[in-house]
Amino acid sequence: MEEKCSQDGENSSPDSGFYRLYFKGLIREETKGTLVAGFGVAICSQQDDILFQMKGSIHNSAITVLEAELLALKRGLTEAVSLGVTHISIYCDHYQIFELVKGRCAPEKDSLALLMNDVQRIRQQLTSSTPIMVTRDQTNKFAYKLALETLVSKIRFRCFNRCRINLAS
C-alpha cells in the first residue's frame, strides 16, 4: 500500500477533545477487468480543522467497494489512536458500512469479517467512537478528494509507463 500523509496545525498532539474521522475508499475500473483502488482519510477537529490527512493506493485486483471503505476506516482509526485521540466521531456516507460499524449487521464475506474484526479491535482502544450516518453532500470533502487523487495518479502513472513502453518499441 503506497501512502502519503501529513499532520497539520502547530500542535500535532491532540488534546482530550472530540475529533471527526472522515474516510473514503474508492475503486475504478481502468480497463475491462483491471481495477485501481485508493483511499483517503482525514482526522479533523469539531470545527473541521485538519489534524491529519492521508491518501494511499490499495493493491488488490479483486477488491470491492466495501473492502476499500473498510480499509480506509481501519487506517483512519489506526492513525487516530497513534495520534492520541481518545474520542472520535466516525462519519460514514455508505449505509452498509454504517450498519457494520454500529453492529447492526454481520459481514457476509470472510474478507469483510476480518476487516471488521480489526476495526472493532482498534475502536476498543478509544474511550469513545461513535458512527454517524451522513449523506455524501454532508461529508467532509477532504477524504474523498484524497482518495480520488490516488486513483487519478495511479491511472496517469500506468498510462505514462505504457506510453514509454510503446515509444521504445
N, C-alpha and C. Protein backbone atom coordinates (compact mmCIF):
# COMPACT_ATOMS: atom_id res chain seq x y z
N MET A 1 0.84 -1.17 0.00
CA MET A 1 0.00 0.00 0.00
C MET A 1 0.89 1.23 0.00
N GLU A 2 0.76 2.08 -1.01
CA GLU A 2 1.50 3.33 -1.06
C GLU A 2 0.71 4.38 -0.31
N GLU A 3 1.41 5.16 0.53
CA GLU A 3 0.71 6.14 1.35
C GLU A 3 1.45 7.46 1.38
N LYS A 4 0.67 8.52 1.49
CA LYS A 4 1.21 9.86 1.71
C LYS A 4 0.37 10.46 2.82
N CYS A 5 1.03 11.03 3.82
CA CYS A 5 0.26 11.60 4.91
C CYS A 5 0.92 12.89 5.39
N SER A 6 0.13 13.67 6.11
CA SER A 6 0.66 14.90 6.69
C SER A 6 -0.13 15.25 7.93
N GLN A 7 0.56 15.89 8.86
CA GLN A 7 -0.08 16.42 10.05
C GLN A 7 -0.09 17.93 9.91
N ASP A 8 -1.20 18.53 10.26
CA ASP A 8 -1.33 19.97 10.19
C ASP A 8 -1.51 20.54 11.59
N GLY A 9 -1.38 21.84 11.69
CA GLY A 9 -1.56 22.50 12.98
C GLY A 9 -0.26 22.64 13.72
N GLU A 10 -0.22 23.61 14.61
CA GLU A 10 1.00 23.86 15.38
C GLU A 10 1.27 22.75 16.37
N ASN A 11 0.23 22.24 16.97
CA ASN A 11 0.39 21.18 17.96
C ASN A 11 -0.11 19.89 17.34
N SER A 12 0.80 19.00 16.99
CA SER A 12 0.39 17.76 16.33
C SER A 12 -0.18 16.74 17.32
N SER A 13 -0.12 17.03 18.59
CA SER A 13 -0.66 16.14 19.61
C SER A 13 -2.04 16.64 20.02
N PRO A 14 -3.09 15.84 19.81
CA PRO A 14 -4.42 16.30 20.16
C PRO A 14 -4.63 16.34 21.66
N ASP A 15 -5.52 17.25 22.08
CA ASP A 15 -5.88 17.27 23.49
C ASP A 15 -6.98 16.24 23.69
N SER A 16 -7.66 16.30 24.79
CA SER A 16 -8.68 15.29 25.08
C SER A 16 -10.03 15.63 24.46
N GLY A 17 -10.04 16.49 23.45
CA GLY A 17 -11.29 16.88 22.80
C GLY A 17 -11.85 15.80 21.90
N PHE A 18 -12.89 16.17 21.23
CA PHE A 18 -13.55 15.27 20.30
C PHE A 18 -13.09 15.57 18.89
N TYR A 19 -12.92 14.52 18.11
CA TYR A 19 -12.45 14.66 16.74
C TYR A 19 -13.39 13.94 15.79
N ARG A 20 -13.23 14.25 14.53
CA ARG A 20 -14.04 13.65 13.47
C ARG A 20 -13.14 12.84 12.55
N LEU A 21 -13.58 11.66 12.18
CA LEU A 21 -12.86 10.84 11.22
C LEU A 21 -13.69 10.75 9.95
N TYR A 22 -13.11 11.24 8.87
CA TYR A 22 -13.70 11.12 7.55
C TYR A 22 -12.84 10.15 6.76
N PHE A 23 -13.45 9.25 6.05
CA PHE A 23 -12.69 8.26 5.28
C PHE A 23 -13.43 7.94 3.99
N LYS A 24 -12.68 7.56 3.00
CA LYS A 24 -13.29 7.19 1.72
C LYS A 24 -12.42 6.16 1.03
N GLY A 25 -13.00 5.07 0.62
CA GLY A 25 -12.34 4.08 -0.21
C GLY A 25 -13.02 4.07 -1.57
N LEU A 26 -12.24 4.18 -2.61
CA LEU A 26 -12.79 4.23 -3.97
C LEU A 26 -12.15 3.18 -4.85
N ILE A 27 -12.93 2.66 -5.78
CA ILE A 27 -12.36 1.79 -6.82
C ILE A 27 -12.87 2.30 -8.16
N ARG A 28 -12.07 2.07 -9.17
CA ARG A 28 -12.45 2.48 -10.53
C ARG A 28 -11.90 1.44 -11.49
N GLU A 29 -12.71 1.10 -12.48
CA GLU A 29 -12.24 0.17 -13.50
C GLU A 29 -11.42 0.96 -14.51
N GLU A 30 -10.13 0.63 -14.59
CA GLU A 30 -9.24 1.33 -15.51
C GLU A 30 -9.44 0.82 -16.93
N THR A 31 -9.37 -0.47 -17.08
CA THR A 31 -9.69 -1.13 -18.35
C THR A 31 -10.55 -2.32 -17.99
N LYS A 32 -11.11 -2.96 -18.96
CA LYS A 32 -12.00 -4.09 -18.67
C LYS A 32 -11.28 -5.13 -17.81
N GLY A 33 -11.80 -5.31 -16.60
CA GLY A 33 -11.24 -6.30 -15.69
C GLY A 33 -10.08 -5.81 -14.84
N THR A 34 -9.60 -4.58 -15.06
CA THR A 34 -8.49 -4.06 -14.27
C THR A 34 -9.01 -2.95 -13.36
N LEU A 35 -8.90 -3.17 -12.05
CA LEU A 35 -9.36 -2.18 -11.09
C LEU A 35 -8.19 -1.43 -10.48
N VAL A 36 -8.40 -0.15 -10.20
CA VAL A 36 -7.46 0.61 -9.38
C VAL A 36 -8.25 1.05 -8.15
N ALA A 37 -7.59 1.05 -7.01
CA ALA A 37 -8.27 1.38 -5.76
C ALA A 37 -7.40 2.30 -4.93
N GLY A 38 -8.05 3.17 -4.19
CA GLY A 38 -7.33 4.09 -3.32
C GLY A 38 -8.21 4.51 -2.16
N PHE A 39 -7.59 5.18 -1.20
CA PHE A 39 -8.34 5.64 -0.04
C PHE A 39 -7.85 7.02 0.38
N GLY A 40 -8.71 7.69 1.13
CA GLY A 40 -8.37 8.96 1.73
C GLY A 40 -8.89 8.99 3.15
N VAL A 41 -8.14 9.61 4.04
CA VAL A 41 -8.51 9.70 5.45
C VAL A 41 -8.23 11.12 5.92
N ALA A 42 -9.15 11.69 6.67
CA ALA A 42 -8.92 12.99 7.29
C ALA A 42 -9.42 12.93 8.73
N ILE A 43 -8.57 13.35 9.66
CA ILE A 43 -8.96 13.47 11.06
C ILE A 43 -9.00 14.97 11.34
N CYS A 44 -10.16 15.44 11.77
CA CYS A 44 -10.38 16.88 11.94
C CYS A 44 -10.92 17.19 13.33
N SER A 45 -10.76 18.45 13.72
CA SER A 45 -11.37 18.94 14.96
C SER A 45 -12.87 19.07 14.73
N GLN A 46 -13.59 19.43 15.77
CA GLN A 46 -15.03 19.64 15.65
C GLN A 46 -15.35 20.78 14.68
N GLN A 47 -14.39 21.68 14.48
CA GLN A 47 -14.58 22.80 13.56
C GLN A 47 -14.08 22.46 12.15
N ASP A 48 -13.72 21.22 11.91
CA ASP A 48 -13.19 20.72 10.64
C ASP A 48 -11.82 21.25 10.28
N ASP A 49 -11.03 21.64 11.29
CA ASP A 49 -9.62 21.95 11.06
C ASP A 49 -8.89 20.61 10.97
N ILE A 50 -8.07 20.45 9.95
CA ILE A 50 -7.41 19.17 9.72
C ILE A 50 -6.28 18.95 10.72
N LEU A 51 -6.33 17.84 11.44
CA LEU A 51 -5.25 17.40 12.31
C LEU A 51 -4.31 16.48 11.54
N PHE A 52 -4.89 15.62 10.71
CA PHE A 52 -4.11 14.61 9.99
C PHE A 52 -4.84 14.26 8.70
N GLN A 53 -4.07 14.05 7.64
CA GLN A 53 -4.67 13.56 6.40
C GLN A 53 -3.73 12.57 5.74
N MET A 54 -4.31 11.65 5.01
CA MET A 54 -3.52 10.59 4.37
C MET A 54 -4.26 10.10 3.14
N LYS A 55 -3.48 9.72 2.14
CA LYS A 55 -4.05 9.05 0.98
C LYS A 55 -3.14 7.90 0.62
N GLY A 56 -3.70 6.90 0.00
CA GLY A 56 -2.89 5.75 -0.39
C GLY A 56 -3.59 4.91 -1.42
N SER A 57 -2.80 4.13 -2.11
CA SER A 57 -3.36 3.21 -3.10
C SER A 57 -3.49 1.83 -2.46
N ILE A 58 -4.43 1.08 -2.97
CA ILE A 58 -4.69 -0.27 -2.47
C ILE A 58 -4.34 -1.23 -3.59
N HIS A 59 -3.46 -2.17 -3.32
CA HIS A 59 -3.01 -3.12 -4.33
C HIS A 59 -3.73 -4.45 -4.14
N ASN A 60 -4.89 -4.55 -4.74
CA ASN A 60 -5.69 -5.77 -4.67
C ASN A 60 -6.62 -5.75 -5.88
N SER A 61 -6.37 -6.59 -6.83
CA SER A 61 -7.13 -6.56 -8.09
C SER A 61 -8.57 -7.05 -7.94
N ALA A 62 -8.89 -7.68 -6.82
CA ALA A 62 -10.25 -8.21 -6.64
C ALA A 62 -11.00 -7.48 -5.53
N ILE A 63 -10.58 -6.28 -5.18
CA ILE A 63 -11.18 -5.56 -4.06
C ILE A 63 -12.59 -5.06 -4.41
N THR A 64 -13.44 -5.02 -3.39
CA THR A 64 -14.79 -4.47 -3.56
C THR A 64 -14.83 -3.08 -2.93
N VAL A 65 -15.90 -2.36 -3.21
CA VAL A 65 -16.08 -1.03 -2.63
C VAL A 65 -16.12 -1.13 -1.10
N LEU A 66 -16.85 -2.11 -0.57
CA LEU A 66 -16.94 -2.26 0.89
C LEU A 66 -15.56 -2.51 1.50
N GLU A 67 -14.76 -3.35 0.87
CA GLU A 67 -13.42 -3.62 1.39
C GLU A 67 -12.56 -2.36 1.34
N ALA A 68 -12.65 -1.60 0.27
CA ALA A 68 -11.88 -0.35 0.17
C ALA A 68 -12.31 0.63 1.26
N GLU A 69 -13.61 0.73 1.50
CA GLU A 69 -14.12 1.62 2.55
C GLU A 69 -13.63 1.17 3.93
N LEU A 70 -13.69 -0.14 4.19
CA LEU A 70 -13.26 -0.64 5.50
C LEU A 70 -11.75 -0.50 5.69
N LEU A 71 -10.98 -0.66 4.63
CA LEU A 71 -9.53 -0.43 4.73
C LEU A 71 -9.24 1.03 5.07
N ALA A 72 -9.99 1.94 4.46
CA ALA A 72 -9.83 3.37 4.77
C ALA A 72 -10.20 3.65 6.22
N LEU A 73 -11.30 3.08 6.68
CA LEU A 73 -11.73 3.26 8.07
C LEU A 73 -10.69 2.70 9.03
N LYS A 74 -10.22 1.51 8.75
CA LYS A 74 -9.20 0.87 9.61
C LYS A 74 -7.96 1.75 9.70
N ARG A 75 -7.52 2.26 8.56
CA ARG A 75 -6.33 3.11 8.54
C ARG A 75 -6.55 4.40 9.33
N GLY A 76 -7.73 4.99 9.16
CA GLY A 76 -8.05 6.21 9.89
C GLY A 76 -8.10 6.01 11.39
N LEU A 77 -8.71 4.92 11.83
CA LEU A 77 -8.76 4.63 13.26
C LEU A 77 -7.37 4.35 13.82
N THR A 78 -6.56 3.63 13.07
CA THR A 78 -5.19 3.34 13.50
C THR A 78 -4.41 4.64 13.71
N GLU A 79 -4.53 5.56 12.77
CA GLU A 79 -3.83 6.85 12.89
C GLU A 79 -4.37 7.66 14.05
N ALA A 80 -5.68 7.64 14.26
CA ALA A 80 -6.27 8.38 15.39
C ALA A 80 -5.70 7.89 16.71
N VAL A 81 -5.63 6.58 16.87
CA VAL A 81 -5.06 6.01 18.11
C VAL A 81 -3.60 6.40 18.25
N SER A 82 -2.84 6.32 17.17
CA SER A 82 -1.41 6.65 17.25
C SER A 82 -1.18 8.14 17.55
N LEU A 83 -2.14 8.99 17.20
CA LEU A 83 -2.04 10.42 17.50
C LEU A 83 -2.49 10.75 18.92
N GLY A 84 -3.04 9.78 19.61
CA GLY A 84 -3.50 10.02 20.97
C GLY A 84 -4.94 10.49 21.07
N VAL A 85 -5.68 10.40 19.98
CA VAL A 85 -7.10 10.76 20.01
C VAL A 85 -7.83 9.72 20.85
N THR A 86 -8.73 10.18 21.71
CA THR A 86 -9.48 9.24 22.55
C THR A 86 -10.98 9.26 22.26
N HIS A 87 -11.48 10.36 21.73
CA HIS A 87 -12.90 10.49 21.40
C HIS A 87 -13.02 10.86 19.92
N ILE A 88 -13.75 10.04 19.17
CA ILE A 88 -13.85 10.32 17.73
C ILE A 88 -15.24 9.95 17.22
N SER A 89 -15.74 10.79 16.33
CA SER A 89 -16.97 10.51 15.60
C SER A 89 -16.57 9.99 14.23
N ILE A 90 -17.15 8.88 13.83
CA ILE A 90 -16.82 8.24 12.56
C ILE A 90 -17.91 8.59 11.56
N TYR A 91 -17.58 9.42 10.59
CA TYR A 91 -18.56 9.88 9.61
C TYR A 91 -18.62 8.90 8.43
N CYS A 92 -19.76 8.23 8.31
CA CYS A 92 -19.98 7.22 7.28
C CYS A 92 -20.96 7.75 6.24
N ASP A 93 -20.59 7.66 4.96
CA ASP A 93 -21.52 8.04 3.90
C ASP A 93 -21.97 6.82 3.09
N HIS A 94 -21.68 5.65 3.62
CA HIS A 94 -22.10 4.39 2.99
C HIS A 94 -22.93 3.64 4.02
N TYR A 95 -24.21 3.40 3.69
CA TYR A 95 -25.13 2.83 4.67
C TYR A 95 -24.67 1.48 5.21
N GLN A 96 -24.18 0.61 4.35
CA GLN A 96 -23.77 -0.72 4.81
C GLN A 96 -22.57 -0.64 5.75
N ILE A 97 -21.65 0.27 5.49
CA ILE A 97 -20.51 0.47 6.40
C ILE A 97 -21.02 0.96 7.75
N PHE A 98 -21.95 1.91 7.73
CA PHE A 98 -22.54 2.43 8.96
C PHE A 98 -23.17 1.29 9.76
N GLU A 99 -23.95 0.45 9.10
CA GLU A 99 -24.60 -0.68 9.78
C GLU A 99 -23.58 -1.67 10.34
N LEU A 100 -22.52 -1.94 9.61
CA LEU A 100 -21.47 -2.84 10.09
C LEU A 100 -20.79 -2.26 11.33
N VAL A 101 -20.45 -0.98 11.28
CA VAL A 101 -19.75 -0.35 12.41
C VAL A 101 -20.66 -0.27 13.63
N LYS A 102 -21.95 -0.02 13.42
CA LYS A 102 -22.91 0.01 14.53
C LYS A 102 -23.14 -1.39 15.11
N GLY A 103 -22.79 -2.43 14.36
CA GLY A 103 -23.02 -3.80 14.81
C GLY A 103 -24.41 -4.29 14.52
N ARG A 104 -25.12 -3.62 13.65
CA ARG A 104 -26.50 -4.00 13.32
C ARG A 104 -26.59 -5.10 12.28
N CYS A 105 -25.49 -5.35 11.57
CA CYS A 105 -25.48 -6.45 10.61
C CYS A 105 -24.11 -7.11 10.64
N ALA A 106 -24.07 -8.32 10.14
CA ALA A 106 -22.82 -9.09 10.13
C ALA A 106 -22.26 -9.11 8.71
N PRO A 107 -20.94 -9.09 8.60
CA PRO A 107 -20.33 -9.16 7.27
C PRO A 107 -20.67 -10.49 6.59
N GLU A 108 -20.91 -10.42 5.28
CA GLU A 108 -21.27 -11.63 4.53
C GLU A 108 -20.05 -12.39 4.03
N LYS A 109 -18.95 -11.70 3.82
CA LYS A 109 -17.74 -12.34 3.30
C LYS A 109 -16.67 -12.41 4.38
N ASP A 110 -15.81 -13.41 4.30
CA ASP A 110 -14.72 -13.56 5.27
C ASP A 110 -13.79 -12.36 5.26
N SER A 111 -13.51 -11.81 4.07
CA SER A 111 -12.60 -10.67 3.99
C SER A 111 -13.18 -9.46 4.73
N LEU A 112 -14.49 -9.27 4.64
CA LEU A 112 -15.14 -8.17 5.37
C LEU A 112 -15.13 -8.44 6.87
N ALA A 113 -15.35 -9.70 7.25
CA ALA A 113 -15.35 -10.06 8.67
C ALA A 113 -13.98 -9.80 9.29
N LEU A 114 -12.92 -10.14 8.58
CA LEU A 114 -11.56 -9.89 9.09
C LEU A 114 -11.30 -8.40 9.25
N LEU A 115 -11.70 -7.62 8.27
CA LEU A 115 -11.53 -6.17 8.37
C LEU A 115 -12.35 -5.59 9.52
N MET A 116 -13.58 -6.06 9.68
CA MET A 116 -14.43 -5.56 10.77
C MET A 116 -13.87 -5.96 12.13
N ASN A 117 -13.28 -7.14 12.24
CA ASN A 117 -12.63 -7.53 13.50
C ASN A 117 -11.51 -6.56 13.83
N ASP A 118 -10.72 -6.18 12.83
CA ASP A 118 -9.64 -5.21 13.04
C ASP A 118 -10.21 -3.85 13.45
N VAL A 119 -11.25 -3.41 12.76
CA VAL A 119 -11.88 -2.12 13.08
C VAL A 119 -12.38 -2.11 14.52
N GLN A 120 -13.08 -3.17 14.93
CA GLN A 120 -13.63 -3.22 16.29
C GLN A 120 -12.52 -3.30 17.34
N ARG A 121 -11.45 -4.03 17.03
CA ARG A 121 -10.32 -4.12 17.96
C ARG A 121 -9.68 -2.74 18.16
N ILE A 122 -9.52 -1.99 17.08
CA ILE A 122 -8.93 -0.65 17.18
C ILE A 122 -9.87 0.28 17.93
N ARG A 123 -11.16 0.18 17.67
CA ARG A 123 -12.14 1.04 18.37
C ARG A 123 -12.10 0.82 19.88
N GLN A 124 -11.78 -0.40 20.32
CA GLN A 124 -11.71 -0.67 21.76
C GLN A 124 -10.61 0.11 22.45
N GLN A 125 -9.63 0.59 21.69
CA GLN A 125 -8.54 1.38 22.26
C GLN A 125 -8.95 2.83 22.50
N LEU A 126 -10.10 3.23 21.98
CA LEU A 126 -10.60 4.59 22.14
C LEU A 126 -11.59 4.64 23.29
N THR A 127 -11.66 5.79 23.96
CA THR A 127 -12.65 5.97 25.01
C THR A 127 -14.05 5.97 24.42
N SER A 128 -14.21 6.67 23.30
CA SER A 128 -15.49 6.66 22.59
C SER A 128 -15.25 6.78 21.09
N SER A 129 -16.07 6.07 20.34
CA SER A 129 -16.05 6.15 18.87
C SER A 129 -17.48 5.93 18.40
N THR A 130 -18.07 6.98 17.88
CA THR A 130 -19.47 6.95 17.52
C THR A 130 -19.66 7.08 16.02
N PRO A 131 -20.24 6.07 15.37
CA PRO A 131 -20.52 6.20 13.94
C PRO A 131 -21.70 7.14 13.71
N ILE A 132 -21.57 7.99 12.70
CA ILE A 132 -22.62 8.93 12.33
C ILE A 132 -22.88 8.78 10.84
N MET A 133 -24.14 8.54 10.49
CA MET A 133 -24.52 8.40 9.08
C MET A 133 -24.76 9.77 8.49
N VAL A 134 -24.10 10.05 7.38
CA VAL A 134 -24.27 11.32 6.68
C VAL A 134 -24.45 11.04 5.18
N THR A 135 -24.98 12.01 4.47
CA THR A 135 -25.06 11.87 3.02
C THR A 135 -23.72 12.27 2.42
N ARG A 136 -23.50 11.94 1.17
CA ARG A 136 -22.24 12.34 0.51
C ARG A 136 -22.08 13.84 0.50
N ASP A 137 -23.21 14.57 0.40
CA ASP A 137 -23.14 16.03 0.39
C ASP A 137 -22.74 16.59 1.75
N GLN A 138 -23.05 15.88 2.83
CA GLN A 138 -22.75 16.35 4.17
C GLN A 138 -21.35 15.98 4.63
N THR A 139 -20.76 15.00 4.01
CA THR A 139 -19.46 14.52 4.48
C THR A 139 -18.36 15.49 4.10
N ASN A 140 -17.28 15.40 4.80
CA ASN A 140 -16.11 16.23 4.55
C ASN A 140 -15.50 15.84 3.21
N LYS A 141 -15.16 16.81 2.41
CA LYS A 141 -14.64 16.56 1.07
C LYS A 141 -13.16 16.16 1.07
N PHE A 142 -12.46 16.35 2.19
CA PHE A 142 -11.03 16.06 2.23
C PHE A 142 -10.74 14.60 1.88
N ALA A 143 -11.42 13.68 2.56
CA ALA A 143 -11.14 12.25 2.37
C ALA A 143 -11.48 11.82 0.95
N TYR A 144 -12.60 12.28 0.43
CA TYR A 144 -12.99 11.93 -0.94
C TYR A 144 -11.95 12.44 -1.94
N LYS A 145 -11.53 13.69 -1.75
CA LYS A 145 -10.55 14.30 -2.66
C LYS A 145 -9.23 13.53 -2.62
N LEU A 146 -8.79 13.15 -1.43
CA LEU A 146 -7.54 12.40 -1.29
C LEU A 146 -7.63 11.04 -1.99
N ALA A 147 -8.75 10.35 -1.79
CA ALA A 147 -8.93 9.04 -2.44
C ALA A 147 -8.96 9.19 -3.95
N LEU A 148 -9.65 10.21 -4.43
CA LEU A 148 -9.74 10.44 -5.87
C LEU A 148 -8.37 10.79 -6.46
N GLU A 149 -7.59 11.59 -5.74
CA GLU A 149 -6.23 11.93 -6.20
C GLU A 149 -5.39 10.66 -6.38
N THR A 150 -5.55 9.72 -5.48
CA THR A 150 -4.79 8.47 -5.57
C THR A 150 -5.17 7.70 -6.83
N LEU A 151 -6.47 7.62 -7.13
CA LEU A 151 -6.90 6.92 -8.34
C LEU A 151 -6.38 7.60 -9.59
N VAL A 152 -6.49 8.91 -9.64
CA VAL A 152 -6.05 9.65 -10.82
C VAL A 152 -4.56 9.50 -11.03
N SER A 153 -3.78 9.58 -9.95
CA SER A 153 -2.32 9.46 -10.09
C SER A 153 -1.93 8.05 -10.53
N LYS A 154 -2.64 7.02 -10.06
CA LYS A 154 -2.34 5.65 -10.48
C LYS A 154 -2.64 5.46 -11.96
N ILE A 155 -3.75 6.02 -12.42
CA ILE A 155 -4.11 5.88 -13.82
C ILE A 155 -3.09 6.60 -14.69
N ARG A 156 -2.71 7.81 -14.30
CA ARG A 156 -1.71 8.57 -15.07
C ARG A 156 -0.38 7.83 -15.11
N PHE A 157 0.04 7.27 -13.98
CA PHE A 157 1.31 6.56 -13.90
C PHE A 157 1.30 5.36 -14.84
N ARG A 158 0.23 4.59 -14.83
CA ARG A 158 0.14 3.42 -15.70
C ARG A 158 0.12 3.84 -17.16
N CYS A 159 -0.60 4.90 -17.47
CA CYS A 159 -0.64 5.38 -18.85
C CYS A 159 0.74 5.84 -19.28
N PHE A 160 1.44 6.56 -18.42
CA PHE A 160 2.78 7.05 -18.73
C PHE A 160 3.72 5.89 -19.01
N ASN A 161 3.68 4.86 -18.17
CA ASN A 161 4.55 3.70 -18.36
C ASN A 161 4.22 2.97 -19.66
N ARG A 162 2.93 2.81 -19.98
CA ARG A 162 2.55 2.16 -21.23
C ARG A 162 3.02 2.98 -22.43
N CYS A 163 2.85 4.29 -22.35
CA CYS A 163 3.27 5.16 -23.46
C CYS A 163 4.78 5.06 -23.66
N ARG A 164 5.55 5.01 -22.58
CA ARG A 164 7.00 4.89 -22.68
C ARG A 164 7.39 3.56 -23.32
N ILE A 165 6.70 2.50 -22.93
CA ILE A 165 6.99 1.18 -23.50
C ILE A 165 6.67 1.17 -24.99
N ASN A 166 5.53 1.74 -25.37
CA ASN A 166 5.14 1.77 -26.78
C ASN A 166 6.10 2.62 -27.60
N LEU A 167 6.58 3.73 -27.05
CA LEU A 167 7.50 4.59 -27.77
C LEU A 167 8.86 3.92 -27.96
N ALA A 168 9.24 3.10 -26.99
CA ALA A 168 10.54 2.43 -27.06
C ALA A 168 10.54 1.28 -28.08
N SER A 169 9.38 0.78 -28.42
CA SER A 169 9.29 -0.37 -29.35
C SER A 169 9.58 0.02 -30.78
